Protein backbone atom coordinates (compact mmCIF):
# COMPACT_ATOMS: atom_id res chain seq x y z
CA MET A 1 30.75 35.72 -75.80
CA LEU A 2 32.67 37.20 -72.88
CA ILE A 3 34.69 34.76 -70.76
CA LEU A 4 35.75 35.90 -67.29
CA HIS A 5 38.83 33.96 -66.23
CA ASP A 6 41.89 34.34 -64.05
CA PRO A 7 44.51 31.54 -64.13
CA GLN A 8 45.11 32.19 -60.43
CA CYS A 9 41.83 30.39 -59.76
CA ALA A 10 43.66 27.06 -60.24
CA GLY A 11 46.17 27.94 -57.54
CA TYR A 12 44.77 25.80 -54.75
CA ARG A 13 44.77 22.03 -54.56
CA GLY A 14 45.40 19.10 -52.29
CA ALA A 15 45.36 15.32 -52.31
CA SER A 16 42.28 15.35 -50.07
CA PHE A 17 40.43 17.60 -52.50
CA LEU A 18 39.73 15.08 -55.25
CA PRO A 19 37.69 15.08 -57.48
CA GLU A 20 37.61 18.89 -57.38
CA LYS A 21 40.67 19.68 -59.49
CA PRO A 22 40.89 23.40 -60.21
CA GLU A 23 43.34 22.64 -63.03
CA ARG A 24 40.35 21.53 -65.11
CA VAL A 25 39.54 25.17 -65.79
CA ILE A 26 43.00 25.62 -67.29
CA ALA A 27 42.34 22.78 -69.74
CA THR A 28 38.98 24.37 -70.54
CA GLU A 29 40.62 27.75 -71.13
CA ALA A 30 43.03 26.19 -73.63
CA HIS A 31 40.21 24.39 -75.41
CA LEU A 32 38.00 27.47 -75.70
CA ARG A 33 40.81 29.76 -76.84
CA ALA A 34 41.73 27.31 -79.60
CA ALA A 35 38.17 26.53 -80.67
CA ARG A 36 36.71 30.06 -80.44
CA PRO A 37 39.50 32.59 -81.06
CA GLY A 38 37.03 35.42 -81.62
CA TRP A 39 35.62 35.35 -78.10
CA THR A 40 36.57 38.06 -75.62
CA TRP A 41 38.52 37.22 -72.47
CA ARG A 42 38.73 39.41 -69.38
CA THR A 43 40.45 39.02 -66.03
CA PRO A 44 37.96 39.74 -63.22
CA GLY A 45 38.71 41.73 -60.12
CA ILE A 46 38.21 40.70 -56.52
CA ALA A 47 34.69 41.45 -55.30
CA PRO A 48 34.64 44.16 -52.64
CA GLU A 49 33.56 43.09 -49.19
CA GLU A 50 30.46 45.29 -49.15
CA ILE A 51 29.07 43.40 -52.15
CA ILE A 52 29.89 39.98 -50.69
CA LEU A 53 28.10 41.02 -47.50
CA LEU A 54 24.86 41.21 -49.48
CA ALA A 55 24.78 37.40 -49.20
CA HIS A 56 27.27 36.44 -46.48
CA SER A 57 27.80 37.26 -42.83
CA PRO A 58 30.89 39.12 -41.59
CA GLU A 59 31.64 36.11 -39.41
CA HIS A 60 31.82 33.86 -42.44
CA LEU A 61 34.24 36.18 -44.21
CA ARG A 62 36.48 36.14 -41.16
CA ARG A 63 36.21 32.35 -40.98
CA LEU A 64 37.63 32.06 -44.52
CA ASP A 65 40.95 33.34 -43.18
CA GLU A 66 41.17 30.80 -40.35
CA PRO A 67 43.51 27.90 -41.24
CA ARG A 68 41.17 25.01 -40.49
CA ASP A 69 39.01 22.88 -42.77
CA PHE A 70 35.28 23.48 -43.10
CA ASP A 71 34.50 19.81 -43.75
CA PRO A 72 36.20 16.88 -45.53
CA ASP A 73 34.99 18.11 -48.93
CA THR A 74 35.86 21.75 -48.27
CA PRO A 75 39.41 22.07 -46.97
CA TRP A 76 41.06 25.31 -46.03
CA PHE A 77 43.89 26.39 -48.34
CA PRO A 78 46.27 29.33 -48.05
CA GLY A 79 44.73 32.16 -50.04
CA ILE A 80 41.32 30.49 -50.42
CA SER A 81 39.58 33.69 -49.34
CA GLY A 82 41.14 35.54 -52.26
CA HIS A 83 40.30 32.75 -54.70
CA ALA A 84 36.67 32.76 -53.57
CA ARG A 85 36.46 36.56 -53.76
CA ARG A 86 37.82 36.52 -57.32
CA SER A 87 35.18 33.95 -58.26
CA VAL A 88 32.49 36.23 -56.84
CA GLY A 89 34.00 39.20 -58.67
CA ALA A 90 33.77 37.31 -61.96
CA ALA A 91 30.11 36.46 -61.39
CA VAL A 92 29.20 40.03 -60.51
CA GLU A 93 31.05 41.32 -63.58
CA ALA A 94 29.39 38.73 -65.82
CA ALA A 95 25.95 39.79 -64.58
CA ARG A 96 26.73 43.45 -65.11
CA HIS A 97 27.97 42.76 -68.64
CA ALA A 98 24.79 40.83 -69.48
CA VAL A 99 22.49 43.57 -68.19
CA GLU A 100 24.39 46.51 -69.65
CA THR A 101 25.15 45.04 -73.09
CA GLY A 102 22.54 42.30 -73.53
CA ARG A 103 25.37 39.97 -74.52
CA PRO A 104 26.28 36.63 -72.91
CA ALA A 105 29.01 36.21 -70.32
CA PHE A 106 30.47 33.09 -68.71
CA SER A 107 32.58 32.91 -65.56
CA LEU A 108 35.24 30.22 -65.94
CA MET A 109 36.47 30.29 -62.36
CA ARG A 110 37.05 28.16 -59.27
CA PRO A 111 35.98 27.65 -56.55
CA PRO A 112 32.28 27.02 -57.28
CA GLY A 113 29.65 28.47 -55.00
CA HIS A 114 26.10 27.14 -54.96
CA HIS A 115 26.50 25.05 -51.77
CA ALA A 116 27.80 28.01 -49.72
CA SER A 117 25.15 29.56 -47.47
CA ALA A 118 25.22 32.92 -45.71
CA ASP A 119 27.50 31.67 -42.94
CA THR A 120 28.72 28.24 -44.02
CA ALA A 121 31.06 26.80 -46.64
CA GLY A 122 30.58 23.26 -47.98
CA GLY A 123 30.59 20.98 -50.99
CA PHE A 124 33.76 22.52 -52.51
CA CYS A 125 32.09 25.98 -52.20
CA TYR A 126 33.33 28.90 -50.07
CA LEU A 127 31.32 31.94 -51.24
CA ASN A 128 28.08 31.83 -53.23
CA GLN A 129 28.93 33.83 -56.34
CA VAL A 130 25.52 33.42 -58.02
CA ALA A 131 23.64 34.61 -54.95
CA VAL A 132 25.93 37.62 -54.55
CA ALA A 133 25.59 38.49 -58.25
CA ALA A 134 21.80 38.19 -58.06
CA LEU A 135 21.55 40.44 -55.02
CA ALA A 136 23.98 42.97 -56.50
CA ALA A 137 21.99 43.08 -59.75
CA ARG A 138 18.81 43.91 -57.87
CA ARG A 139 20.55 46.58 -55.83
CA ASP A 140 22.90 48.18 -58.36
CA LEU A 141 21.62 47.48 -61.87
CA GLY A 142 17.93 48.29 -61.52
CA THR A 143 17.02 44.69 -62.30
CA LEU A 144 13.51 44.20 -60.96
CA LYS A 145 13.50 40.40 -61.10
CA VAL A 146 16.35 37.89 -61.19
CA ALA A 147 15.97 34.18 -61.93
CA VAL A 148 18.66 31.61 -61.13
CA TRP A 149 18.62 28.43 -63.22
CA ASP A 150 20.74 25.66 -61.71
CA PHE A 151 21.31 22.56 -63.83
CA ASP A 152 24.19 21.21 -61.76
CA ALA A 153 23.70 17.57 -60.74
CA HIS A 154 23.66 18.64 -57.08
CA HIS A 155 21.04 20.84 -55.50
CA GLY A 156 22.21 24.39 -54.80
CA ASN A 157 21.18 24.37 -51.16
CA GLY A 158 23.18 27.51 -50.41
CA THR A 159 21.60 29.53 -53.20
CA GLU A 160 18.13 28.42 -52.15
CA ALA A 161 18.83 29.32 -48.52
CA ILE A 162 20.13 32.80 -49.41
CA LEU A 163 17.55 33.79 -52.04
CA GLY A 164 14.51 31.84 -50.88
CA GLY A 165 11.64 34.05 -49.79
CA ARG A 166 13.20 37.29 -50.99
CA ASP A 167 11.07 39.47 -53.21
CA GLY A 168 12.07 39.57 -56.87
CA PHE A 169 14.00 36.28 -57.02
CA LEU A 170 13.22 32.84 -58.42
CA TYR A 171 15.47 29.82 -57.98
CA CYS A 172 14.94 26.76 -60.21
CA SER A 173 17.04 23.61 -59.82
CA VAL A 174 17.15 20.24 -61.58
CA HIS A 175 19.38 17.81 -59.70
CA GLN A 176 20.00 14.20 -58.78
CA HIS A 177 18.08 13.04 -55.72
CA PRO A 178 19.00 11.28 -53.53
CA ALA A 179 22.51 12.74 -53.63
CA PHE A 180 24.63 15.31 -51.84
CA PRO A 181 23.59 17.58 -50.14
CA GLY A 182 20.28 15.78 -49.55
CA THR A 183 18.08 18.85 -50.08
CA GLY A 184 15.85 19.95 -52.94
CA SER A 185 13.10 17.34 -52.68
CA SER A 186 10.31 19.91 -52.33
CA SER A 187 9.51 23.38 -53.62
CA SER A 188 8.28 26.72 -52.35
CA ALA A 189 6.83 29.75 -54.11
CA SER A 190 10.26 31.19 -54.92
CA CYS A 191 12.36 28.01 -55.05
CA LEU A 192 11.25 25.35 -57.52
CA ASN A 193 12.96 21.97 -57.54
CA TRP A 194 12.92 19.09 -59.99
CA PRO A 195 14.58 16.11 -58.26
CA VAL A 196 15.79 13.47 -60.74
CA ARG A 197 16.38 9.91 -59.63
CA PRO A 198 19.78 8.35 -60.39
CA GLY A 199 19.95 6.76 -63.82
CA ARG A 200 16.80 8.44 -65.10
CA PRO A 201 16.66 8.25 -68.92
CA ARG A 202 18.01 11.24 -70.82
CA ALA A 203 14.69 12.13 -72.37
CA GLN A 204 12.98 12.31 -68.98
CA HIS A 205 15.82 14.36 -67.48
CA MET A 206 15.56 16.77 -70.42
CA GLU A 207 11.80 17.04 -69.82
CA SER A 208 12.51 18.22 -66.28
CA LEU A 209 15.10 20.67 -67.55
CA ARG A 210 12.64 22.00 -70.11
CA ALA A 211 9.95 22.45 -67.44
CA SER A 212 12.38 24.30 -65.21
CA TRP A 213 13.48 26.55 -68.08
CA GLU A 214 9.87 27.36 -68.90
CA ALA A 215 9.34 28.31 -65.25
CA VAL A 216 12.32 30.67 -65.47
CA LEU A 217 10.91 32.34 -68.58
CA SER A 218 7.39 32.55 -67.10
CA PHE A 219 8.84 34.57 -64.21
CA LYS A 220 9.74 37.26 -66.80
CA PRO A 221 13.10 38.13 -65.25
CA GLY A 222 15.24 41.06 -66.26
CA LEU A 223 18.31 38.89 -65.71
CA ILE A 224 18.91 35.14 -65.74
CA LEU A 225 21.90 33.76 -63.84
CA ILE A 226 22.88 30.17 -64.53
CA SER A 227 24.64 27.84 -62.13
CA ALA A 228 26.13 25.80 -64.94
CA GLY A 229 27.22 22.44 -63.59
CA PHE A 230 28.26 19.74 -66.02
CA ASP A 231 28.21 16.79 -63.61
CA ALA A 232 24.88 15.48 -64.95
CA TYR A 233 27.02 14.09 -67.79
CA ALA A 234 26.77 10.33 -68.22
CA LYS A 235 30.54 9.88 -67.73
CA ASP A 236 30.90 12.10 -64.68
CA PRO A 237 32.72 10.14 -61.95
CA ILE A 238 30.70 11.31 -58.92
CA THR A 239 27.09 11.22 -60.16
CA ASP A 240 24.72 8.71 -61.72
CA MET A 241 23.03 10.72 -64.47
CA THR A 242 22.64 10.27 -68.19
CA LEU A 243 23.06 13.50 -70.16
CA GLU A 244 25.35 13.60 -73.19
CA ILE A 245 27.30 16.42 -74.78
CA GLU A 246 24.51 17.20 -77.25
CA ASP A 247 22.11 17.72 -74.34
CA PHE A 248 24.29 20.49 -72.93
CA ALA A 249 24.34 22.03 -76.40
CA GLU A 250 20.54 21.93 -76.38
CA LEU A 251 20.49 23.78 -73.06
CA GLY A 252 22.70 26.42 -74.65
CA ARG A 253 20.26 26.78 -77.55
CA TRP A 254 17.41 27.43 -75.13
CA VAL A 255 19.43 30.13 -73.40
CA GLY A 256 20.54 31.70 -76.67
CA GLY A 257 16.97 31.93 -77.91
CA SER A 258 15.48 33.52 -74.80
CA GLY A 259 16.23 37.17 -75.52
CA VAL A 260 16.80 37.75 -71.78
CA PRO A 261 20.14 39.12 -70.52
CA THR A 262 21.95 36.07 -69.17
CA ALA A 263 25.22 35.25 -67.43
CA ALA A 264 26.48 31.86 -66.31
CA VAL A 265 29.04 30.65 -63.80
CA LEU A 266 30.80 27.29 -63.68
CA GLU A 267 29.73 25.08 -60.82
CA GLY A 268 30.41 21.32 -60.91
CA GLY A 269 31.62 18.94 -63.59
CA TYR A 270 34.34 16.39 -62.87
CA SER A 271 34.80 14.44 -66.09
CA ASP A 272 37.91 14.85 -68.23
CA ASP A 273 35.45 15.84 -70.98
CA LEU A 274 34.60 19.07 -69.16
CA PRO A 275 36.25 21.33 -71.80
CA GLN A 276 34.12 19.80 -74.56
CA LEU A 277 30.94 19.97 -72.46
CA ILE A 278 31.45 23.64 -71.67
CA GLY A 279 32.44 24.35 -75.26
CA ALA A 280 29.28 22.78 -76.64
CA PHE A 281 27.04 24.66 -74.20
CA LEU A 282 28.67 28.02 -74.88
CA ALA A 283 28.85 27.60 -78.66
CA ALA A 284 25.15 26.74 -78.83
CA TRP A 285 24.34 29.67 -76.51
CA ALA A 286 26.26 31.93 -78.88
CA GLN A 287 24.29 30.34 -81.75
CA LEU A 288 27.42 29.00 -83.41
CA ILE A 289 26.24 25.37 -83.59
């Protein structure tokens, strides 16, 4: 297992930015290093602008440097453009590693990305690292088809907007609905959504996840990218979902048994148990539990 991580990613914060606490990735780093000392760690580089422009407009990149908030959930911070570009760099590197080696890679970075559209930041997200990585894989790695599997509790409206309708891409999302951002209640040919009502029993939620995973595999992708959000956890403070730690381990087992090159990036997850949730998912993916 390759972990892409740069401690600088926790270098932005503010009282108005709760519950998004970038420090949570530092606690997760400590947990993973102690629990899995044999895993490989690598510091990612900043994604070059020409790769980011595969998914985002030049105007949006310029906007990231303007010192004004995007919305109440997405404040501007000094250096946020660099933080977001490092997060994209980690996702692109994780995808390249998966394709070139066939081995798993996980981006343990902040900020997240799946709510960022081509020209808009939102929902704690500034640049859409999964969408950029997917587009770069198609362009640079000879990957004919790329599937994005998003099990974050919130619909990845930005990823759907960027990839939807493009040849060679499939986006599959299982998410709480109704909930922020209010999208994801219907599907299209290239964007399949499984809305889950708040409080839905674990077994039924897992059925939706299984159906979405089967759709990913049926697409026969050359690369799977995962928007790995852990806020569907029963104890997450900002959602009303019911998954437990063993369910995230089960998702990891599905991924580990697919035989398809796969990389994942951290999206949401706001419980203090985040290190254990990520650890269970990754260990099962690596077929260690």
